[in-house]
Amino acid sequence: MPGAVSVQPNRLSLETTVGLVEGEADLEGILALQRASLAVTADGFVTVQHTLEVLKAMHALAPSVVARAGGEVVAYALVMPPEARAWVPILEPMFVELEALLPNTRFYVMGQVAVAAKHRGTGLFDALYAEHRARYASRWDVCVTEVATRNTRSMRAHARVGFETVKTYRDATDEWALLAWRWR
């Protein structure tokens, strides 16, 4: 059921909600958290910067999942259907690999996940993915993502949720693991 997430008791504030992007303020919140997550730390990092225009276009195809606390976006997990690939050209090698690995499979890319520093360890990462599955399992068979293999915290967290590595490869920027969470 959308909106119903399974998290560990007492780890999320009662004021924290998880759901789909509801408007431009949420998209601006995603961009602010994305900027804060660009630096490489022991807690992980993100590598792609989006624009408001790209996020709006992606949202029109399939809204992303956000967590809000006190009206502010404190975590997000982007939804990027294959139709959005031209808007983020740096991800083209990933889409080429996915088409070869998942022929005739309905998949979408979870384009990026981030949790604000003071909300890490509260269960939000798992809650974001539970919401992805609740909202999108009827539309797609597989949720895929790509993680830099040196981002060990993210690799462990994705494995915990149920993602499996289907391939690793190197491009001009890094070594990547393509991860798939098969729903059927």
N, C-alpha and C. Protein backbone atom coordinates (compact mmCIF):
# COMPACT_ATOMS: atom_id res chain seq x y z
N MET A 1 0.85 -1.18 0.00
CA MET A 1 0.00 0.00 0.00
C MET A 1 0.90 1.24 0.00
N PRO A 2 0.73 2.15 -0.95
CA PRO A 2 1.54 3.36 -0.99
C PRO A 2 1.40 4.16 0.30
N GLY A 3 2.52 4.72 0.73
CA GLY A 3 2.53 5.54 1.93
C GLY A 3 2.77 4.74 3.19
N ALA A 4 2.48 3.42 3.14
CA ALA A 4 2.73 2.57 4.29
C ALA A 4 4.13 1.98 4.15
N VAL A 5 5.00 2.35 5.04
CA VAL A 5 6.38 1.87 4.95
C VAL A 5 6.73 1.09 6.20
N SER A 6 7.61 0.15 6.04
CA SER A 6 8.06 -0.66 7.16
C SER A 6 9.41 -0.15 7.63
N VAL A 7 9.45 0.40 8.81
CA VAL A 7 10.71 0.90 9.37
C VAL A 7 10.83 0.37 10.78
N GLN A 8 12.01 0.47 11.32
CA GLN A 8 12.22 0.00 12.67
C GLN A 8 11.54 0.97 13.63
N PRO A 9 10.79 0.44 14.60
CA PRO A 9 10.06 1.30 15.55
C PRO A 9 10.99 2.30 16.24
N ASN A 10 10.46 3.49 16.46
CA ASN A 10 11.14 4.55 17.21
C ASN A 10 12.38 5.11 16.53
N ARG A 11 12.64 4.74 15.28
CA ARG A 11 13.81 5.27 14.59
C ARG A 11 13.43 6.49 13.76
N LEU A 12 12.22 6.53 13.23
CA LEU A 12 11.75 7.69 12.47
C LEU A 12 10.90 8.56 13.37
N SER A 13 11.06 9.85 13.24
CA SER A 13 10.23 10.77 13.98
C SER A 13 8.78 10.62 13.51
N LEU A 14 7.85 10.85 14.40
CA LEU A 14 6.44 10.81 14.00
C LEU A 14 6.13 11.86 12.96
N GLU A 15 6.95 12.89 12.87
CA GLU A 15 6.72 13.97 11.92
C GLU A 15 7.36 13.69 10.57
N THR A 16 8.04 12.56 10.41
CA THR A 16 8.68 12.22 9.15
C THR A 16 7.72 11.40 8.31
N THR A 17 7.48 11.85 7.08
CA THR A 17 6.61 11.12 6.17
C THR A 17 7.37 10.78 4.89
N VAL A 18 6.99 9.69 4.27
CA VAL A 18 7.60 9.26 3.02
C VAL A 18 6.49 9.15 1.98
N GLY A 19 6.73 9.74 0.81
CA GLY A 19 5.73 9.70 -0.25
C GLY A 19 6.32 10.24 -1.54
N LEU A 20 5.45 10.48 -2.50
CA LEU A 20 5.89 10.99 -3.80
C LEU A 20 6.06 12.51 -3.77
N VAL A 21 6.92 12.99 -4.65
CA VAL A 21 7.10 14.44 -4.84
C VAL A 21 5.73 15.06 -5.10
N GLU A 22 5.45 16.17 -4.44
CA GLU A 22 4.16 16.83 -4.57
C GLU A 22 4.22 18.16 -5.30
N GLY A 23 5.39 18.67 -5.59
CA GLY A 23 5.47 19.95 -6.29
C GLY A 23 6.87 20.48 -6.35
N GLU A 24 6.98 21.72 -6.83
CA GLU A 24 8.28 22.33 -7.05
C GLU A 24 9.09 22.49 -5.76
N ALA A 25 8.42 22.74 -4.65
CA ALA A 25 9.15 22.89 -3.38
C ALA A 25 9.90 21.59 -3.04
N ASP A 26 9.28 20.45 -3.29
CA ASP A 26 9.97 19.17 -3.07
C ASP A 26 11.16 19.03 -4.01
N LEU A 27 10.99 19.42 -5.27
CA LEU A 27 12.10 19.33 -6.24
C LEU A 27 13.25 20.24 -5.82
N GLU A 28 12.94 21.43 -5.34
CA GLU A 28 13.98 22.34 -4.83
C GLU A 28 14.67 21.72 -3.61
N GLY A 29 13.89 21.04 -2.77
CA GLY A 29 14.46 20.35 -1.61
C GLY A 29 15.41 19.24 -2.02
N ILE A 30 15.06 18.51 -3.08
CA ILE A 30 15.94 17.47 -3.62
C ILE A 30 17.25 18.11 -4.06
N LEU A 31 17.17 19.20 -4.80
CA LEU A 31 18.39 19.86 -5.30
C LEU A 31 19.27 20.36 -4.15
N ALA A 32 18.67 20.88 -3.10
CA ALA A 32 19.45 21.36 -1.96
C ALA A 32 20.17 20.19 -1.28
N LEU A 33 19.47 19.09 -1.07
CA LEU A 33 20.08 17.93 -0.44
C LEU A 33 21.13 17.32 -1.37
N GLN A 34 20.88 17.34 -2.67
CA GLN A 34 21.87 16.84 -3.63
C GLN A 34 23.17 17.64 -3.54
N ARG A 35 23.06 18.96 -3.48
CA ARG A 35 24.26 19.80 -3.35
C ARG A 35 25.03 19.46 -2.08
N ALA A 36 24.31 19.20 -1.00
CA ALA A 36 24.95 18.88 0.27
C ALA A 36 25.59 17.50 0.27
N SER A 37 25.19 16.64 -0.67
CA SER A 37 25.66 15.25 -0.70
C SER A 37 26.75 15.01 -1.73
N LEU A 38 27.23 16.06 -2.39
CA LEU A 38 28.24 15.88 -3.45
C LEU A 38 29.62 15.54 -2.91
N ALA A 39 29.96 16.03 -1.74
CA ALA A 39 31.29 15.77 -1.17
C ALA A 39 31.40 14.30 -0.77
N VAL A 40 32.53 13.70 -1.07
CA VAL A 40 32.78 12.31 -0.69
C VAL A 40 33.08 12.25 0.81
N THR A 41 32.30 11.46 1.53
CA THR A 41 32.49 11.26 2.97
C THR A 41 32.39 9.77 3.27
N ALA A 42 32.66 9.41 4.49
CA ALA A 42 32.51 8.01 4.90
C ALA A 42 31.06 7.56 4.83
N ASP A 43 30.13 8.51 4.83
CA ASP A 43 28.71 8.19 4.77
C ASP A 43 28.19 8.03 3.36
N GLY A 44 29.04 8.19 2.34
CA GLY A 44 28.61 8.05 0.96
C GLY A 44 28.62 9.38 0.24
N PHE A 45 28.15 9.36 -1.00
CA PHE A 45 28.17 10.56 -1.83
C PHE A 45 27.30 10.34 -3.06
N VAL A 46 26.95 11.42 -3.73
CA VAL A 46 26.27 11.34 -5.02
C VAL A 46 27.20 11.93 -6.07
N THR A 47 27.03 11.53 -7.32
CA THR A 47 27.96 11.96 -8.36
C THR A 47 27.33 12.81 -9.45
N VAL A 48 26.03 12.76 -9.62
CA VAL A 48 25.38 13.50 -10.71
C VAL A 48 24.60 14.67 -10.14
N GLN A 49 24.73 15.83 -10.77
CA GLN A 49 23.94 17.00 -10.40
C GLN A 49 22.83 17.18 -11.43
N HIS A 50 21.61 17.31 -10.95
CA HIS A 50 20.47 17.54 -11.82
C HIS A 50 20.10 19.03 -11.80
N THR A 51 19.31 19.42 -12.76
CA THR A 51 18.74 20.77 -12.77
C THR A 51 17.26 20.68 -12.41
N LEU A 52 16.69 21.80 -12.05
CA LEU A 52 15.26 21.82 -11.76
C LEU A 52 14.47 21.39 -12.99
N GLU A 53 14.89 21.82 -14.16
CA GLU A 53 14.17 21.47 -15.39
C GLU A 53 14.19 19.96 -15.62
N VAL A 54 15.34 19.32 -15.40
CA VAL A 54 15.43 17.86 -15.58
C VAL A 54 14.56 17.15 -14.55
N LEU A 55 14.61 17.59 -13.30
CA LEU A 55 13.78 16.96 -12.28
C LEU A 55 12.29 17.11 -12.60
N LYS A 56 11.89 18.27 -13.09
CA LYS A 56 10.48 18.46 -13.46
C LYS A 56 10.08 17.49 -14.57
N ALA A 57 10.95 17.32 -15.56
CA ALA A 57 10.65 16.42 -16.67
C ALA A 57 10.57 14.97 -16.19
N MET A 58 11.51 14.57 -15.32
CA MET A 58 11.48 13.22 -14.77
C MET A 58 10.21 13.02 -13.94
N HIS A 59 9.86 14.01 -13.14
CA HIS A 59 8.67 13.93 -12.29
C HIS A 59 7.40 13.78 -13.13
N ALA A 60 7.37 14.42 -14.30
CA ALA A 60 6.20 14.31 -15.17
C ALA A 60 6.01 12.87 -15.66
N LEU A 61 7.11 12.12 -15.80
CA LEU A 61 7.03 10.72 -16.23
C LEU A 61 6.67 9.80 -15.06
N ALA A 62 7.29 10.04 -13.91
CA ALA A 62 7.06 9.23 -12.71
C ALA A 62 7.65 9.99 -11.53
N PRO A 63 6.82 10.41 -10.59
CA PRO A 63 7.32 11.19 -9.46
C PRO A 63 8.33 10.41 -8.61
N SER A 64 9.33 11.12 -8.13
CA SER A 64 10.32 10.52 -7.26
C SER A 64 9.77 10.40 -5.84
N VAL A 65 10.50 9.67 -5.02
CA VAL A 65 10.10 9.43 -3.63
C VAL A 65 10.93 10.33 -2.72
N VAL A 66 10.26 10.97 -1.78
CA VAL A 66 10.94 11.85 -0.82
C VAL A 66 10.47 11.53 0.59
N ALA A 67 11.32 11.89 1.55
CA ALA A 67 10.94 11.89 2.96
C ALA A 67 10.98 13.33 3.42
N ARG A 68 9.96 13.72 4.17
CA ARG A 68 9.87 15.09 4.67
C ARG A 68 9.80 15.06 6.20
N ALA A 69 10.49 16.00 6.78
CA ALA A 69 10.41 16.21 8.24
C ALA A 69 10.25 17.70 8.45
N GLY A 70 9.23 18.09 9.14
CA GLY A 70 8.97 19.50 9.36
C GLY A 70 8.77 20.26 8.06
N GLY A 71 8.21 19.59 7.06
CA GLY A 71 7.96 20.23 5.76
C GLY A 71 9.17 20.32 4.85
N GLU A 72 10.32 19.82 5.30
CA GLU A 72 11.55 19.91 4.53
C GLU A 72 11.94 18.53 3.99
N VAL A 73 12.44 18.48 2.76
CA VAL A 73 12.93 17.22 2.20
C VAL A 73 14.21 16.84 2.92
N VAL A 74 14.20 15.65 3.55
CA VAL A 74 15.37 15.17 4.28
C VAL A 74 15.97 13.91 3.67
N ALA A 75 15.30 13.38 2.66
CA ALA A 75 15.82 12.22 1.93
C ALA A 75 15.05 12.11 0.62
N TYR A 76 15.71 11.52 -0.37
CA TYR A 76 15.04 11.30 -1.65
C TYR A 76 15.63 10.10 -2.35
N ALA A 77 14.83 9.53 -3.25
CA ALA A 77 15.26 8.46 -4.15
C ALA A 77 14.58 8.75 -5.49
N LEU A 78 15.37 9.16 -6.47
CA LEU A 78 14.85 9.60 -7.76
C LEU A 78 14.34 8.45 -8.62
N VAL A 79 13.30 8.71 -9.39
CA VAL A 79 12.77 7.76 -10.36
C VAL A 79 13.17 8.26 -11.75
N MET A 80 13.84 7.39 -12.51
CA MET A 80 14.30 7.77 -13.84
C MET A 80 13.94 6.67 -14.84
N PRO A 81 12.76 6.80 -15.47
CA PRO A 81 12.39 5.82 -16.50
C PRO A 81 13.36 5.91 -17.69
N PRO A 82 13.49 4.85 -18.45
CA PRO A 82 14.39 4.88 -19.62
C PRO A 82 14.12 6.05 -20.57
N GLU A 83 12.90 6.53 -20.62
CA GLU A 83 12.56 7.66 -21.50
C GLU A 83 13.29 8.94 -21.10
N ALA A 84 13.84 8.98 -19.90
CA ALA A 84 14.53 10.17 -19.39
C ALA A 84 16.04 10.16 -19.66
N ARG A 85 16.53 9.12 -20.29
CA ARG A 85 17.98 8.95 -20.42
C ARG A 85 18.67 10.10 -21.15
N ALA A 86 18.04 10.71 -22.11
CA ALA A 86 18.66 11.80 -22.88
C ALA A 86 18.89 13.04 -22.03
N TRP A 87 18.19 13.16 -20.91
CA TRP A 87 18.29 14.36 -20.09
C TRP A 87 19.52 14.35 -19.18
N VAL A 88 20.13 13.18 -19.00
CA VAL A 88 21.34 13.07 -18.17
C VAL A 88 22.35 12.24 -18.97
N PRO A 89 23.00 12.87 -19.96
CA PRO A 89 23.86 12.14 -20.89
C PRO A 89 24.99 11.34 -20.23
N ILE A 90 25.47 11.77 -19.08
CA ILE A 90 26.55 11.04 -18.42
C ILE A 90 26.13 9.62 -18.04
N LEU A 91 24.82 9.36 -17.97
CA LEU A 91 24.31 8.04 -17.61
C LEU A 91 24.10 7.13 -18.82
N GLU A 92 24.38 7.60 -20.01
CA GLU A 92 24.17 6.79 -21.22
C GLU A 92 24.88 5.44 -21.16
N PRO A 93 26.16 5.36 -20.72
CA PRO A 93 26.80 4.04 -20.64
C PRO A 93 26.02 3.06 -19.76
N MET A 94 25.43 3.55 -18.69
CA MET A 94 24.64 2.70 -17.82
C MET A 94 23.42 2.15 -18.56
N PHE A 95 22.71 3.02 -19.29
CA PHE A 95 21.53 2.56 -20.01
C PHE A 95 21.89 1.54 -21.09
N VAL A 96 23.01 1.73 -21.76
CA VAL A 96 23.47 0.77 -22.77
C VAL A 96 23.70 -0.59 -22.11
N GLU A 97 24.37 -0.60 -20.98
CA GLU A 97 24.62 -1.85 -20.24
C GLU A 97 23.31 -2.49 -19.81
N LEU A 98 22.38 -1.70 -19.30
CA LEU A 98 21.11 -2.25 -18.81
C LEU A 98 20.29 -2.87 -19.93
N GLU A 99 20.27 -2.23 -21.08
CA GLU A 99 19.51 -2.80 -22.20
C GLU A 99 20.06 -4.15 -22.62
N ALA A 100 21.38 -4.31 -22.54
CA ALA A 100 21.99 -5.60 -22.89
C ALA A 100 21.72 -6.65 -21.81
N LEU A 101 21.75 -6.24 -20.55
CA LEU A 101 21.55 -7.17 -19.44
C LEU A 101 20.09 -7.55 -19.19
N LEU A 102 19.19 -6.63 -19.52
CA LEU A 102 17.77 -6.83 -19.20
C LEU A 102 16.87 -6.70 -20.44
N PRO A 103 17.15 -7.47 -21.49
CA PRO A 103 16.32 -7.34 -22.70
C PRO A 103 14.88 -7.75 -22.39
N ASN A 104 13.95 -7.05 -22.98
CA ASN A 104 12.52 -7.35 -22.82
C ASN A 104 12.07 -7.32 -21.36
N THR A 105 12.69 -6.48 -20.56
CA THR A 105 12.33 -6.35 -19.15
C THR A 105 11.87 -4.92 -18.88
N ARG A 106 10.77 -4.81 -18.15
CA ARG A 106 10.29 -3.49 -17.77
C ARG A 106 11.09 -3.03 -16.56
N PHE A 107 11.99 -2.07 -16.78
CA PHE A 107 12.81 -1.58 -15.68
C PHE A 107 12.82 -0.06 -15.66
N TYR A 108 13.14 0.47 -14.50
CA TYR A 108 13.42 1.89 -14.37
C TYR A 108 14.65 2.02 -13.50
N VAL A 109 15.26 3.18 -13.56
CA VAL A 109 16.46 3.44 -12.78
C VAL A 109 16.09 4.28 -11.57
N MET A 110 16.51 3.82 -10.41
CA MET A 110 16.45 4.68 -9.24
C MET A 110 17.70 5.54 -9.40
N GLY A 111 17.48 6.78 -9.84
CA GLY A 111 18.56 7.62 -10.34
C GLY A 111 19.51 8.18 -9.31
N GLN A 112 19.16 8.18 -8.06
CA GLN A 112 20.06 8.71 -7.02
C GLN A 112 19.30 8.66 -5.70
N VAL A 113 20.02 8.38 -4.63
CA VAL A 113 19.42 8.37 -3.30
C VAL A 113 20.32 9.17 -2.37
N ALA A 114 19.70 9.93 -1.48
CA ALA A 114 20.47 10.68 -0.49
C ALA A 114 19.61 10.87 0.76
N VAL A 115 20.27 10.83 1.90
CA VAL A 115 19.62 11.06 3.19
C VAL A 115 20.43 12.14 3.90
N ALA A 116 19.77 13.16 4.39
CA ALA A 116 20.45 14.25 5.11
C ALA A 116 21.20 13.67 6.31
N ALA A 117 22.34 14.26 6.60
CA ALA A 117 23.25 13.74 7.62
C ALA A 117 22.55 13.45 8.95
N LYS A 118 21.74 14.37 9.44
CA LYS A 118 21.14 14.16 10.77
C LYS A 118 20.00 13.13 10.76
N HIS A 119 19.64 12.63 9.57
CA HIS A 119 18.57 11.64 9.47
C HIS A 119 19.09 10.26 9.09
N ARG A 120 20.42 10.12 8.96
CA ARG A 120 21.00 8.82 8.63
C ARG A 120 20.89 7.89 9.83
N GLY A 121 20.71 6.61 9.52
CA GLY A 121 20.59 5.62 10.58
C GLY A 121 19.21 5.55 11.21
N THR A 122 18.22 6.21 10.60
CA THR A 122 16.87 6.23 11.16
C THR A 122 15.91 5.29 10.43
N GLY A 123 16.39 4.64 9.37
CA GLY A 123 15.52 3.76 8.60
C GLY A 123 14.97 4.40 7.34
N LEU A 124 15.34 5.65 7.08
CA LEU A 124 14.80 6.35 5.91
C LEU A 124 15.22 5.70 4.59
N PHE A 125 16.44 5.24 4.49
CA PHE A 125 16.90 4.60 3.25
C PHE A 125 15.96 3.45 2.89
N ASP A 126 15.72 2.56 3.84
CA ASP A 126 14.83 1.42 3.62
C ASP A 126 13.40 1.88 3.34
N ALA A 127 12.96 2.91 4.05
CA ALA A 127 11.60 3.43 3.85
C ALA A 127 11.42 4.00 2.45
N LEU A 128 12.44 4.69 1.93
CA LEU A 128 12.36 5.21 0.56
C LEU A 128 12.16 4.07 -0.43
N TYR A 129 12.92 3.02 -0.27
CA TYR A 129 12.80 1.89 -1.20
C TYR A 129 11.50 1.11 -1.00
N ALA A 130 11.00 1.02 0.22
CA ALA A 130 9.70 0.38 0.43
C ALA A 130 8.62 1.15 -0.33
N GLU A 131 8.74 2.47 -0.32
CA GLU A 131 7.77 3.31 -1.04
C GLU A 131 7.93 3.13 -2.55
N HIS A 132 9.17 3.02 -3.03
CA HIS A 132 9.39 2.74 -4.46
C HIS A 132 8.63 1.48 -4.86
N ARG A 133 8.82 0.43 -4.09
CA ARG A 133 8.17 -0.84 -4.44
C ARG A 133 6.66 -0.72 -4.37
N ALA A 134 6.14 -0.08 -3.33
CA ALA A 134 4.69 0.08 -3.19
C ALA A 134 4.09 0.86 -4.35
N ARG A 135 4.80 1.86 -4.82
CA ARG A 135 4.27 2.73 -5.89
C ARG A 135 4.50 2.17 -7.29
N TYR A 136 5.60 1.45 -7.51
CA TYR A 136 6.01 1.16 -8.89
C TYR A 136 6.13 -0.32 -9.26
N ALA A 137 5.91 -1.24 -8.34
CA ALA A 137 6.03 -2.67 -8.67
C ALA A 137 4.99 -3.12 -9.69
N SER A 138 3.86 -2.45 -9.77
CA SER A 138 2.85 -2.85 -10.76
C SER A 138 3.19 -2.32 -12.16
N ARG A 139 4.06 -1.33 -12.23
CA ARG A 139 4.41 -0.71 -13.51
C ARG A 139 5.70 -1.29 -14.09
N TRP A 140 6.65 -1.65 -13.22
CA TRP A 140 7.95 -2.17 -13.66
C TRP A 140 8.26 -3.48 -12.95
N ASP A 141 9.11 -4.30 -13.60
CA ASP A 141 9.52 -5.59 -13.04
C ASP A 141 10.77 -5.48 -12.17
N VAL A 142 11.61 -4.50 -12.50
CA VAL A 142 12.92 -4.40 -11.86
C VAL A 142 13.24 -2.93 -11.61
N CYS A 143 13.75 -2.66 -10.44
CA CYS A 143 14.32 -1.34 -10.12
C CYS A 143 15.83 -1.52 -10.18
N VAL A 144 16.49 -0.69 -10.96
CA VAL A 144 17.95 -0.80 -11.08
C VAL A 144 18.59 0.51 -10.66
N THR A 145 19.84 0.41 -10.26
CA THR A 145 20.61 1.60 -9.94
C THR A 145 22.07 1.30 -10.21
N GLU A 146 22.85 2.33 -10.15
CA GLU A 146 24.27 2.23 -10.40
C GLU A 146 24.98 2.91 -9.24
N VAL A 147 25.95 2.22 -8.66
CA VAL A 147 26.67 2.76 -7.50
C VAL A 147 28.16 2.64 -7.77
N ALA A 148 28.89 3.70 -7.48
CA ALA A 148 30.35 3.63 -7.57
C ALA A 148 30.81 2.58 -6.56
N THR A 149 31.62 1.63 -7.00
CA THR A 149 32.03 0.54 -6.10
C THR A 149 32.80 1.05 -4.89
N ARG A 150 33.41 2.22 -5.00
CA ARG A 150 34.13 2.78 -3.85
C ARG A 150 33.19 3.38 -2.81
N ASN A 151 31.91 3.49 -3.14
CA ASN A 151 30.90 3.98 -2.20
C ASN A 151 30.37 2.77 -1.41
N THR A 152 31.20 2.27 -0.51
CA THR A 152 30.91 1.02 0.17
C THR A 152 29.66 1.09 1.06
N ARG A 153 29.40 2.24 1.64
CA ARG A 153 28.20 2.36 2.48
C ARG A 153 26.95 2.16 1.63
N SER A 154 26.91 2.78 0.45
CA SER A 154 25.76 2.63 -0.43
C SER A 154 25.65 1.19 -0.95
N MET A 155 26.77 0.58 -1.27
CA MET A 155 26.73 -0.81 -1.74
C MET A 155 26.11 -1.72 -0.67
N ARG A 156 26.52 -1.57 0.58
CA ARG A 156 25.96 -2.38 1.67
C ARG A 156 24.48 -2.10 1.88
N ALA A 157 24.09 -0.84 1.83
CA ALA A 157 22.69 -0.48 2.06
C ALA A 157 21.79 -1.04 0.96
N HIS A 158 22.24 -0.97 -0.28
CA HIS A 158 21.44 -1.52 -1.38
C HIS A 158 21.32 -3.04 -1.27
N ALA A 159 22.38 -3.71 -0.87
CA ALA A 159 22.31 -5.17 -0.68
C ALA A 159 21.31 -5.51 0.42
N ARG A 160 21.28 -4.72 1.49
CA ARG A 160 20.35 -4.95 2.59
C ARG A 160 18.89 -4.87 2.13
N VAL A 161 18.60 -3.93 1.22
CA VAL A 161 17.24 -3.76 0.73
C VAL A 161 16.82 -4.91 -0.18
N GLY A 162 17.80 -5.51 -0.88
CA GLY A 162 17.47 -6.61 -1.79
C GLY A 162 18.10 -6.51 -3.17
N PHE A 163 18.89 -5.47 -3.40
CA PHE A 163 19.57 -5.33 -4.69
C PHE A 163 20.70 -6.35 -4.80
N GLU A 164 20.91 -6.83 -6.03
CA GLU A 164 22.02 -7.73 -6.33
C GLU A 164 22.85 -7.11 -7.44
N THR A 165 24.16 -7.31 -7.37
CA THR A 165 25.05 -6.82 -8.42
C THR A 165 24.87 -7.70 -9.65
N VAL A 166 24.55 -7.06 -10.79
CA VAL A 166 24.42 -7.82 -12.04
C VAL A 166 25.63 -7.63 -12.94
N LYS A 167 26.39 -6.56 -12.70
CA LYS A 167 27.59 -6.34 -13.49
C LYS A 167 28.39 -5.19 -12.87
N THR A 168 29.69 -5.27 -12.97
CA THR A 168 30.53 -4.12 -12.67
C THR A 168 31.28 -3.76 -13.94
N TYR A 169 31.53 -2.48 -14.12
CA TYR A 169 32.27 -2.01 -15.28
C TYR A 169 32.91 -0.68 -14.95
N ARG A 170 33.84 -0.28 -15.78
CA ARG A 170 34.53 0.99 -15.61
C ARG A 170 34.22 1.87 -16.81
N ASP A 171 33.96 3.16 -16.53
CA ASP A 171 33.84 4.14 -17.61
C ASP A 171 34.89 5.22 -17.36
N ALA A 172 34.75 6.35 -18.01
CA ALA A 172 35.76 7.41 -17.90
C ALA A 172 35.82 8.04 -16.52
N THR A 173 34.77 7.86 -15.70
CA THR A 173 34.73 8.54 -14.41
C THR A 173 34.99 7.64 -13.21
N ASP A 174 34.63 6.34 -13.27
CA ASP A 174 34.72 5.51 -12.07
C ASP A 174 34.49 4.05 -12.42
N GLU A 175 34.58 3.18 -11.40
CA GLU A 175 34.13 1.80 -11.53
C GLU A 175 32.74 1.73 -10.92
N TRP A 176 31.82 1.10 -11.65
CA TRP A 176 30.41 1.10 -11.27
C TRP A 176 29.90 -0.31 -11.08
N ALA A 177 28.97 -0.46 -10.16
CA ALA A 177 28.21 -1.70 -10.00
C ALA A 177 26.79 -1.41 -10.45
N LEU A 178 26.31 -2.20 -11.38
CA LEU A 178 24.89 -2.14 -11.76
C LEU A 178 24.15 -3.08 -10.83
N LEU A 179 23.18 -2.55 -10.13
CA LEU A 179 22.44 -3.30 -9.13
C LEU A 179 20.99 -3.44 -9.56
N ALA A 180 20.41 -4.61 -9.35
CA ALA A 180 19.01 -4.85 -9.72
C ALA A 180 18.24 -5.40 -8.53
N TRP A 181 17.03 -4.86 -8.35
CA TRP A 181 16.10 -5.36 -7.33
C TRP A 181 14.91 -5.89 -8.11
N ARG A 182 14.87 -7.19 -8.24
CA ARG A 182 13.83 -7.85 -9.06
C ARG A 182 12.56 -8.05 -8.22
N TRP A 183 11.46 -7.57 -8.78
CA TRP A 183 10.18 -7.67 -8.10
C TRP A 183 9.33 -8.81 -8.63
N ARG A 184 9.71 -9.35 -9.79
CA ARG A 184 9.04 -10.54 -10.34
C ARG A 184 9.95 -11.23 -11.30
